[in-house]
PDB file of N, CA and C in Angstrom:
ATOM      1  N   GLU A   1      20.664  74.063 -72.692  1.00  0.00           N
ATOM      2  CA  GLU A   1      21.478  73.509 -72.838  1.00  0.00           C
ATOM      3  C   GLU A   1      22.397  72.035 -72.707  1.00  0.00           C
ATOM      4  N   ASN A   2      22.448  71.604 -73.977  1.00  0.00           N
ATOM      5  CA  ASN A   2      22.782  70.476 -74.059  1.00  0.00           C
ATOM      6  C   ASN A   2      23.528  69.652 -75.033  1.00  0.00           C
ATOM      7  N   LYS A   3      23.991  68.357 -74.784  1.00  0.00           N
ATOM      8  CA  LYS A   3      25.063  67.680 -76.489  1.00  0.00           C
ATOM      9  C   LYS A   3      24.973  66.453 -76.234  1.00  0.00           C
ATOM     10  N   VAL A   4      24.996  66.157 -77.697  1.00  0.00           N
ATOM     11  CA  VAL A   4      24.529  64.632 -77.458  1.00  0.00           C
ATOM     12  C   VAL A   4      25.367  63.461 -77.780  1.00  0.00           C
ATOM     13  N   VAL A   5      25.224  62.765 -76.687  1.00  0.00           N
ATOM     14  CA  VAL A   5      26.042  61.758 -76.485  1.00  0.00           C
ATOM     15  C   VAL A   5      26.731  60.420 -77.273  1.00  0.00           C
ATOM     16  N   GLU A   6      25.583  60.088 -77.419  1.00  0.00           N
ATOM     17  CA  GLU A   6      25.115  59.001 -78.685  1.00  0.00           C
ATOM     18  C   GLU A   6      24.204  58.843 -79.211  1.00  0.00           C
ATOM     19  N   SER A   7      23.978  58.426 -80.270  1.00  0.00           N
ATOM     20  CA  SER A   7      22.738  58.620 -81.018  1.00  0.00           C
ATOM     21  C   SER A   7      22.444  57.142 -81.691  1.00  0.00           C
ATOM     22  N   ARG A   8      21.269  56.376 -82.071  1.00  0.00           N
ATOM     23  CA  ARG A   8      21.139  55.612 -82.640  1.00  0.00           C
ATOM     24  C   ARG A   8      20.311  55.391 -83.928  1.00  0.00           C
ATOM     25  N   ILE A   9      19.971  54.324 -84.959  1.00  0.00           N
ATOM     26  CA  ILE A   9      18.634  54.842 -85.776  1.00  0.00           C
ATOM     27  C   ILE A   9      18.416  53.469 -85.345  1.00  0.00           C
ATOM     28  N   ASN A  10      17.129  53.213 -85.391  1.00  0.00           N
ATOM     29  CA  ASN A  10      16.113  52.097 -85.510  1.00  0.00           C
ATOM     30  C   ASN A  10      16.369  50.802 -86.589  1.00  0.00           C
ATOM     31  N   GLN A  11      15.961  50.076 -86.374  1.00  0.00           N
ATOM     32  CA  GLN A  11      15.902  48.606 -87.509  1.00  0.00           C
ATOM     33  C   GLN A  11      15.368  49.047 -88.692  1.00  0.00           C
ATOM     34  N   SER A  12      14.311  50.211 -88.507  1.00  0.00           N
ATOM     35  CA  SER A  12      13.535  50.255 -89.668  1.00  0.00           C
ATOM     36  C   SER A  12      13.941  51.862 -90.470  1.00  0.00           C
ATOM     37  N   GLY A  13      14.939  52.394 -89.603  1.00  0.00           N
ATOM     38  CA  GLY A  13      15.532  53.596 -89.588  1.00  0.00           C
ATOM     39  C   GLY A  13      14.529  54.528 -89.571  1.00  0.00           C
ATOM     40  N   ASP A  14      13.630  55.043 -89.171  1.00  0.00           N
ATOM     41  CA  ASP A  14      12.232  55.765 -89.214  1.00  0.00           C
ATOM     42  C   ASP A  14      12.266  56.601 -87.706  1.00  0.00           C
ATOM     43  N   LEU A  15      13.136  56.081 -87.010  1.00  0.00           N
ATOM     44  CA  LEU A  15      12.907  56.665 -85.631  1.00  0.00           C
ATOM     45  C   LEU A  15      14.762  56.894 -85.227  1.00  0.00           C
ATOM     46  N   THR A  16      15.437  58.133 -84.515  1.00  0.00           N
ATOM     47  CA  THR A  16      16.653  58.084 -83.445  1.00  0.00           C
ATOM     48  C   THR A  16      16.862  57.910 -82.535  1.00  0.00           C
ATOM     49  N   ARG A  17      17.636  57.440 -81.720  1.00  0.00           N
ATOM     50  CA  ARG A  17      17.252  57.774 -80.199  1.00  0.00           C
ATOM     51  C   ARG A  17      18.678  57.891 -79.797  1.00  0.00           C
ATOM     52  N   ARG A  18      18.289  59.238 -79.566  1.00  0.00           N
ATOM     53  CA  ARG A  18      19.620  59.774 -78.706  1.00  0.00           C
ATOM     54  C   ARG A  18      19.803  60.342 -77.359  1.00  0.00           C
ATOM     55  N   ARG A  19      21.268  59.725 -77.018  1.00  0.00           N
ATOM     56  CA  ARG A  19      21.255  60.353 -75.573  1.00  0.00           C
ATOM     57  C   ARG A  19      21.528  61.768 -75.407  1.00  0.00           C
ATOM     58  N   ARG A  20      21.167  62.726 -74.423  1.00  0.00           N
ATOM     59  CA  ARG A  20      22.032  63.797 -74.425  1.00  0.00           C
ATOM     60  C   ARG A  20      22.099  63.678 -72.883  1.00  0.00           C
ATOM     61  N   GLU A  21      22.967  64.973 -72.734  1.00  0.00           N
ATOM     62  CA  GLU A  21      23.421  65.538 -71.329  1.00  0.00           C
ATOM     63  C   GLU A  21      23.293  66.787 -70.935  1.00  0.00           C
ATOM     64  N   CYS A  22      22.556  67.859 -69.857  1.00  0.00           N
ATOM     65  CA  CYS A  22      22.758  68.710 -70.050  1.00  0.00           C
ATOM     66  C   CYS A  22      24.165  68.719 -69.360  1.00  0.00           C
ATOM     67  N   ILE A  23      25.075  70.793 -70.361  1.00  0.00           N
ATOM     68  CA  ILE A  23      25.777  70.975 -69.654  1.00  0.00           C
ATOM     69  C   ILE A  23      26.303  71.441 -68.555  1.00  0.00           C
ATOM     70  N   SER A  24      24.917  72.133 -67.879  1.00  0.00           N
ATOM     71  CA  SER A  24      24.726  72.570 -66.671  1.00  0.00           C
ATOM     72  C   SER A  24      24.819  71.737 -65.390  1.00  0.00           C
ATOM     73  N   CYS A  25      24.107  71.003 -65.200  1.00  0.00           N
ATOM     74  CA  CYS A  25      24.008  69.774 -64.318  1.00  0.00           C
ATOM     75  C   CYS A  25      24.481  68.468 -64.730  1.00  0.00           C
ATOM     76  N   ASP A  26      25.101  68.053 -65.545  1.00  0.00           N
ATOM     77  CA  ASP A  26      25.523  66.623 -65.937  1.00  0.00           C
ATOM     78  C   ASP A  26      24.253  65.865 -65.930  1.00  0.00           C
ATOM     79  N   SER A  27      23.252  65.826 -65.851  1.00  0.00           N
ATOM     80  CA  SER A  27      22.466  64.414 -66.298  1.00  0.00           C
ATOM     81  C   SER A  27      22.096  64.119 -67.229  1.00  0.00           C
ATOM     82  N   ARG A  28      21.525  63.217 -67.249  1.00  0.00           N
ATOM     83  CA  ARG A  28      21.318  62.378 -68.798  1.00  0.00           C
ATOM     84  C   ARG A  28      19.665  62.008 -69.066  1.00  0.00           C
ATOM     85  N   PHE A  29      19.629  62.538 -70.461  1.00  0.00           N
ATOM     86  CA  PHE A  29      18.175  61.842 -70.970  1.00  0.00           C
ATOM     87  C   PHE A  29      18.035  61.551 -72.253  1.00  0.00           C
ATOM     88  N   THR A  30      17.288  60.853 -72.551  1.00  0.00           N
ATOM     89  CA  THR A  30      17.018  60.174 -74.137  1.00  0.00           C
ATOM     90  C   THR A  30      15.602  60.859 -74.439  1.00  0.00           C
ATOM     91  N   THR A  31      15.784  61.436 -75.958  1.00  0.00           N
ATOM     92  CA  THR A  31      15.156  62.369 -76.604  1.00  0.00           C
ATOM     93  C   THR A  31      14.860  60.754 -77.863  1.00  0.00           C
ATOM     94  N   TYR A  32      13.559  60.588 -78.647  1.00  0.00           N
ATOM     95  CA  TYR A  32      13.093  60.267 -79.913  1.00  0.00           C
ATOM     96  C   TYR A  32      12.949  60.821 -80.372  1.00  0.00           C
ATOM     97  N   GLU A  33      13.920  60.927 -82.038  1.00  0.00           N
ATOM     98  CA  GLU A  33      13.536  61.538 -82.810  1.00  0.00           C
ATOM     99  C   GLU A  33      13.027  60.705 -83.883  1.00  0.00           C
ATOM    100  N   ARG A  34      11.553  61.294 -84.262  1.00  0.00           N
ATOM    101  CA  ARG A  34      11.105  60.961 -86.103  1.00  0.00           C
ATOM    102  C   ARG A  34      10.810  61.477 -86.847  1.00  0.00           C
ATOM    103  N   VAL A  35      11.259  61.406 -88.275  1.00  0.00           N
ATOM    104  CA  VAL A  35      11.369  62.098 -89.388  1.00  0.00           C
ATOM    105  C   VAL A  35      10.141  62.841 -89.222  1.00  0.00           C
ATOM    106  N   GLU A  36       9.699  63.765 -89.199  1.00  0.00           N
ATOM    107  CA  GLU A  36       8.162  64.338 -90.267  1.00  0.00           C
ATOM    108  C   GLU A  36       7.685  64.130 -91.142  1.00  0.00           C
ATOM    109  N   GLU A  37       6.755  63.381 -92.057  1.00  0.00           N
ATOM    110  CA  GLU A  37       6.779  62.848 -92.842  1.00  0.00           C
ATOM    111  C   GLU A  37       4.995  64.200 -93.224  1.00  0.00           C
ATOM    112  N   LEU A  38       4.923  64.942 -94.490  1.00  0.00           N
ATOM    113  CA  LEU A  38       4.114  65.162 -94.836  1.00  0.00           C
ATOM    114  C   LEU A  38       2.467  64.680 -95.160  1.00  0.00           C
ATOM    115  N   MET A  39       1.479  64.802 -93.912  1.00  0.00           N
ATOM    116  CA  MET A  39       0.496  63.459 -94.107  1.00  0.00           C
ATOM    117  C   MET A  39      -0.536  64.164 -94.630  1.00  0.00           C
ATOM    118  N   PRO A  40      -2.119  63.681 -95.344  1.00  0.00           N
ATOM    119  CA  PRO A  40      -2.791  64.443 -95.605  1.00  0.00           C
ATOM    120  C   PRO A  40      -3.660  64.774 -94.796  1.00  0.00           C
ATOM    121  N   LEU A  41      -4.468  65.476 -94.978  1.00  0.00           N
ATOM    122  CA  LEU A  41      -5.273  65.959 -94.033  1.00  0.00           C
ATOM    123  C   LEU A  41      -6.500  65.115 -94.318  1.00  0.00           C
ATOM    124  N   VAL A  42      -6.953  64.659 -92.753  1.00  0.00           N
ATOM    125  CA  VAL A  42      -7.976  63.811 -92.797  1.00  0.00           C
ATOM    126  C   VAL A  42      -9.438  64.351 -92.660  1.00  0.00           C
ATOM    127  N   ILE A  43     -10.237  64.426 -93.468  1.00  0.00           N
ATOM    128  CA  ILE A  43     -11.840  64.086 -93.779  1.00  0.00           C
ATOM    129  C   ILE A  43     -12.979  63.278 -92.881  1.00  0.00           C
ATOM    130  N   LYS A  44     -13.378  64.127 -92.112  1.00  0.00           N
ATOM    131  CA  LYS A  44     -14.243  63.157 -90.902  1.00  0.00           C
ATOM    132  C   LYS A  44     -15.231  63.241 -91.655  1.00  0.00           C
ATOM    133  N   LYS A  45     -16.298  62.581 -91.267  1.00  0.00           N
ATOM    134  CA  LYS A  45     -17.944  61.674 -91.030  1.00  0.00           C
ATOM    135  C   LYS A  45     -18.725  63.153 -91.422  1.00  0.00           C
ATOM    136  N   ASP A  46     -18.649  63.959 -91.320  1.00  0.00           N
ATOM    137  CA  ASP A  46     -19.278  65.249 -90.888  1.00  0.00           C
ATOM    138  C   ASP A  46     -18.568  66.501 -91.720  1.00  0.00           C
ATOM    139  N   GLY A  47     -17.808  65.824 -92.435  1.00  0.00           N
ATOM    140  CA  GLY A  47     -17.054  66.987 -93.604  1.00  0.00           C
ATOM    141  C   GLY A  47     -16.320  67.948 -93.085  1.00  0.00           C
ATOM    142  N   ARG A  48     -15.520  67.697 -91.349  1.00  0.00           N
ATOM    143  CA  ARG A  48     -14.067  68.685 -91.395  1.00  0.00           C
ATOM    144  C   ARG A  48     -13.048  68.431 -91.186  1.00  0.00           C
ATOM    145  N   ARG A  49     -12.077  68.873 -91.710  1.00  0.00           N
ATOM    146  CA  ARG A  49     -11.057  68.013 -91.721  1.00  0.00           C
ATOM    147  C   ARG A  49      -9.813  68.761 -90.918  1.00  0.00           C
ATOM    148  N   GLU A  50      -9.806  67.464 -90.361  1.00  0.00           N
ATOM    149  CA  GLU A  50      -8.169  67.844 -89.172  1.00  0.00           C
ATOM    150  C   GLU A  50      -7.115  67.240 -89.350  1.00  0.00           C
ATOM    151  N   GLU A  51      -6.072  67.427 -89.365  1.00  0.00           N
ATOM    152  CA  GLU A  51      -4.764  66.931 -89.779  1.00  0.00           C
ATOM    153  C   GLU A  51      -4.389  65.596 -89.199  1.00  0.00           C
ATOM    154  N   PHE A  52      -4.195  64.614 -89.730  1.00  0.00           N
ATOM    155  CA  PHE A  52      -3.747  63.716 -89.264  1.00  0.00           C
ATOM    156  C   PHE A  52      -3.071  62.892 -87.969  1.00  0.00           C
ATOM    157  N   HIS A  53      -3.344  62.197 -87.185  1.00  0.00           N
ATOM    158  CA  HIS A  53      -2.359  62.422 -85.203  1.00  0.00           C
ATOM    159  C   HIS A  53      -2.731  60.559 -85.880  1.00  0.00           C
ATOM    160  N   ARG A  54      -1.058  60.254 -85.399  1.00  0.00           N
ATOM    161  CA  ARG A  54      -0.669  59.363 -85.217  1.00  0.00           C
ATOM    162  C   ARG A  54      -1.049  58.191 -84.324  1.00  0.00           C
ATOM    163  N   GLU A  55      -1.799  58.889 -82.930  1.00  0.00           N
ATOM    164  CA  GLU A  55      -1.664  58.762 -81.876  1.00  0.00           C
ATOM    165  C   GLU A  55      -2.871  58.138 -81.569  1.00  0.00           C
ATOM    166  N   LYS A  56      -3.968  59.011 -82.620  1.00  0.00           N
ATOM    167  CA  LYS A  56      -5.619  58.604 -82.620  1.00  0.00           C
ATOM    168  C   LYS A  56      -5.538  56.849 -83.736  1.00  0.00           C
ATOM    169  N   ILE A  57      -4.524  56.919 -84.392  1.00  0.00           N
ATOM    170  CA  ILE A  57      -4.899  55.538 -84.807  1.00  0.00           C
ATOM    171  C   ILE A  57      -3.668  54.147 -84.054  1.00  0.00           C
ATOM    172  N   MET A  58      -2.881  54.871 -82.891  1.00  0.00           N
ATOM    173  CA  MET A  58      -2.619  53.907 -82.487  1.00  0.00           C
ATOM    174  C   MET A  58      -3.329  53.204 -81.090  1.00  0.00           C
ATOM    175  N   ASP A  59      -4.317  54.812 -80.467  1.00  0.00           N
ATOM    176  CA  ASP A  59      -5.235  54.206 -79.391  1.00  0.00           C
ATOM    177  C   ASP A  59      -6.412  53.147 -80.301  1.00  0.00           C
ATOM    178  N   GLY A  60      -6.598  53.764 -81.163  1.00  0.00           N
ATOM    179  CA  GLY A  60      -7.741  52.507 -81.719  1.00  0.00           C
ATOM    180  C   GLY A  60      -7.460  51.464 -81.830  1.00  0.00           C
ATOM    181  N   ILE A  61      -6.191  50.955 -82.302  1.00  0.00           N
ATOM    182  CA  ILE A  61      -5.888  49.721 -82.273  1.00  0.00           C
ATOM    183  C   ILE A  61      -5.437  49.003 -81.149  1.00  0.00           C
ATOM    184  N   ARG A  62      -5.135  49.664 -80.033  1.00  0.00           N
ATOM    185  CA  ARG A  62      -4.798  49.665 -79.223  1.00  0.00           C
ATOM    186  C   ARG A  62      -5.987  48.658 -78.640  1.00  0.00           C
ATOM    187  N   LYS A  63      -6.724  49.614 -78.434  1.00  0.00           N
ATOM    188  CA  LYS A  63      -8.684  49.745 -78.333  1.00  0.00           C
ATOM    189  C   LYS A  63      -9.035  48.052 -78.957  1.00  0.00           C
ATOM    190  N   SER A  64      -9.339  48.321 -79.819  1.00  0.00           N
ATOM    191  CA  SER A  64      -9.565  46.680 -81.032  1.00  0.00           C
ATOM    192  C   SER A  64      -8.701  45.944 -80.619  1.00  0.00           C
ATOM    193  N   CYS A  65      -7.009  45.328 -79.960  1.00  0.00           N
ATOM    194  CA  CYS A  65      -6.914  44.871 -80.008  1.00  0.00           C
ATOM    195  C   CYS A  65      -6.535  44.285 -78.187  1.00  0.00           C
ATOM    196  N   GLN A  66      -7.452  44.499 -77.400  1.00  0.00           N
ATOM    197  CA  GLN A  66      -6.473  44.368 -76.269  1.00  0.00           C
ATOM    198  C   GLN A  66      -6.776  43.180 -75.665  1.00  0.00           C
ATOM    199  N   LYS A  67      -7.917  42.339 -76.543  1.00  0.00           N
ATOM    200  CA  LYS A  67      -8.136  40.984 -75.338  1.00  0.00           C
ATOM    201  C   LYS A  67      -7.348  39.984 -76.508  1.00  0.00           C
ATOM    202  N   ARG A  68      -6.539  40.844 -77.789  1.00  0.00           N
ATOM    203  CA  ARG A  68      -5.701  39.837 -78.383  1.00  0.00           C
ATOM    204  C   ARG A  68      -4.465  39.446 -77.987  1.00  0.00           C
ATOM    205  N   LEU A  69      -3.838  38.870 -78.718  1.00  0.00           N
ATOM    206  CA  LEU A  69      -2.898  38.261 -78.052  1.00  0.00           C
ATOM    207  C   LEU A  69      -1.354  39.339 -79.412  1.00  0.00           C
ATOM    208  N   PHE A  70      -1.481  40.708 -79.062  1.00  0.00           N
ATOM    209  CA  PHE A  70      -0.751  41.600 -79.886  1.00  0.00           C
ATOM    210  C   PHE A  70       0.147  42.438 -79.397  1.00  0.00           C
ATOM    211  N   THR A  71       1.560  42.308 -79.465  1.00  0.00           N
ATOM    212  CA  THR A  71       2.762  43.165 -78.948  1.00  0.00           C
ATOM    213  C   THR A  71       2.200  44.558 -79.052  1.00  0.00           C
ATOM    214  N   VAL A  72       2.798  45.629 -78.093  1.00  0.00           N
ATOM    215  CA  VAL A  72       3.081  46.887 -78.470  1.00  0.00           C
ATOM    216  C   VAL A  72       3.682  46.782 -80.318  1.00  0.00           C
ATOM    217  N   SER A  73       4.639  45.850 -80.222  1.00  0.00           N
ATOM    218  CA  SER A  73       5.326  46.275 -81.483  1.00  0.00           C
ATOM    219  C   SER A  73       4.656  46.100 -82.767  1.00  0.00           C
ATOM    220  N   ASP A  74       4.052  44.528 -82.024  1.00  0.00           N
ATOM    221  CA  ASP A  74       3.294  44.701 -83.708  1.00  0.00           C
ATOM    222  C   ASP A  74       1.766  45.542 -83.951  1.00  0.00           C
ATOM    223  N   ILE A  75       1.425  46.497 -83.093  1.00  0.00           N
ATOM    224  CA  ILE A  75       0.694  47.555 -83.118  1.00  0.00           C
ATOM    225  C   ILE A  75       1.433  49.025 -83.387  1.00  0.00           C
ATOM    226  N   GLU A  76       2.582  48.893 -83.189  1.00  0.00           N
ATOM    227  CA  GLU A  76       3.072  50.010 -84.047  1.00  0.00           C
ATOM    228  C   GLU A  76       3.853  49.903 -85.106  1.00  0.00           C
ATOM    229  N   GLU A  77       3.840  48.194 -85.998  1.00  0.00           N
ATOM    230  CA  GLU A  77       4.203  47.887 -87.186  1.00  0.00           C
ATOM    231  C   GLU A  77       2.864  48.075 -87.502  1.00  0.00           C
ATOM    232  N   MET A  78       1.708  48.239 -87.607  1.00  0.00           N
ATOM    233  CA  MET A  78       0.555  48.238 -88.307  1.00  0.00           C
ATOM    234  C   MET A  78       0.368  49.591 -88.178  1.00  0.00           C
ATOM    235  N   VAL A  79       0.716  50.585 -87.312  1.00  0.00           N
ATOM    236  CA  VAL A  79       0.667  51.923 -87.195  1.00  0.00           C
ATOM    237  C   VAL A  79       1.518  52.307 -88.607  1.00  0.00           C
ATOM    238  N   ARG A  80       2.960  51.876 -88.456  1.00  0.00           N
ATOM    239  CA  ARG A  80       3.559  52.562 -89.677  1.00  0.00           C
ATOM    240  C   ARG A  80       3.353  51.953 -91.124  1.00  0.00           C
ATOM    241  N   ALA A  81       2.869  50.838 -91.177  1.00  0.00           N
ATOM    242  CA  ALA A  81       2.129  50.185 -92.432  1.00  0.00           C
ATOM    243  C   ALA A  81       0.912  51.326 -93.009  1.00  0.00           C
ATOM    244  N   THR A  82       0.566  51.858 -92.136  1.00  0.00           N
ATOM    245  CA  THR A  82      -1.013  52.635 -92.599  1.00  0.00           C
ATOM    246  C   THR A  82      -0.679  54.218 -92.822  1.00  0.00           C
ATOM    247  N   GLU A  83       0.581  54.513 -92.131  1.00  0.00           N
ATOM    248  CA  GLU A  83       1.174  55.594 -92.780  1.00  0.00           C
ATOM    249  C   GLU A  83       1.556  55.543 -94.098  1.00  0.00           C
ATOM    250  N   LEU A  84       2.295  54.687 -94.349  1.00  0.00           N
ATOM    251  CA  LEU A  84       3.701  54.077 -95.374  1.00  0.00           C
ATOM    252  C   LEU A  84       2.285  54.046 -96.310  1.00  0.00           C
ATOM    253  N   LYS A  85       1.391  53.453 -96.281  1.00  0.00           N
ATOM    254  CA  LYS A  85       0.227  53.233 -97.173  1.00  0.00           C
ATOM    255  C   LYS A  85      -0.324  55.023 -97.808  1.00  0.00           C
ATOM    256  N   ILE A  86      -0.347  55.433 -96.679  1.00  0.00           N
ATOM    257  CA  ILE A  86      -1.395  56.913 -96.862  1.00  0.00           C
ATOM    258  C   ILE A  86      -0.387  57.398 -97.738  1.00  0.00           C
ATOM    259  N   GLN A  87       0.771  57.934 -97.145  1.00  0.00           N
ATOM    260  CA  GLN A  87       1.686  58.725 -97.936  1.00  0.00           C
ATOM    261  C   GLN A  87       1.846  58.024 -99.212  1.00  0.00           C
ATOM    262  N   SER A  88       1.924  56.669-100.306  1.00  0.00           N
ATOM    263  CA  SER A  88       2.168  56.630-100.716  1.00  0.00           C
ATOM    264  C   SER A  88       1.241  56.744-102.207  1.00  0.00           C
ATOM    265  N   LEU A  89      -0.281  57.006-101.420  1.00  0.00           N
ATOM    266  CA  LEU A  89      -1.315  57.498-101.580  1.00  0.00           C
ATOM    267  C   LEU A  89      -0.568  58.953-102.555  1.00  0.00           C
ATOM    268  N   GLY A  90      -0.399  59.583-102.695  1.00  0.00           N
ATOM    269  CA  GLY A  90       0.414  61.306-102.664  1.00  0.00           C
ATOM    270  C   GLY A  90      -1.057  61.964-102.709  1.00  0.00           C
ATOM    271  N   VAL A  91      -1.695  61.785-101.839  1.00  0.00           N
ATOM    272  CA  VAL A  91      -3.319  62.669-102.198  1.00  0.00           C
ATOM    273  C   VAL A  91      -2.972  63.851-100.569  1.00  0.00           C
ATOM    274  N   LYS A  92      -3.574  65.189-100.917  1.00  0.00           N
ATOM    275  CA  LYS A  92      -3.603  65.741-100.218  1.00  0.00           C
ATOM    276  C   LYS A  92      -4.399  66.189 -98.499  1.00  0.00           C
ATOM    277  N   GLU A  93      -6.014  64.600 -99.000  1.00  0.00           N
ATOM    278  CA  GLU A  93      -6.854  65.033 -97.905  1.00  0.00           C
ATOM    279  C   GLU A  93      -7.429  63.438 -98.092  1.00  0.00           C
ATOM    280  N   ILE A  94      -7.996  63.033 -97.456  1.00  0.00           N
ATOM    281  CA  ILE A  94      -8.788  61.163 -97.749  1.00  0.00           C
ATOM    282  C   ILE A  94      -9.519  61.512 -96.549  1.00  0.00           C
ATOM    283  N   ALA A  95     -10.329  60.187 -96.992  1.00  0.00           N
ATOM    284  CA  ALA A  95     -11.914  60.280 -95.732  1.00  0.00           C
ATOM    285  C   ALA A  95     -11.102  59.258 -95.282  1.00  0.00           C
TER     286      ALA A  95
END
């Protein structure tokens, strides 16, 4: 059991930061909540279909930008732009 002490929405409006407090022990912690958008299935080269994973996109961009001057927020913005582009296509599957 916990209660929300404070809530904040980030600048782009897609992430909510909530400070919570445990009712039994009074310790505080933070949760981050993102609206779960319906993403299409990804069709792999071998024909398999799997769910879209934001973390895989983040990892791939991070690896490719290791020796370049990109900040974490730059990479997060790239991933967010990719997600928005995919959602705007309005398809159920994407290669």
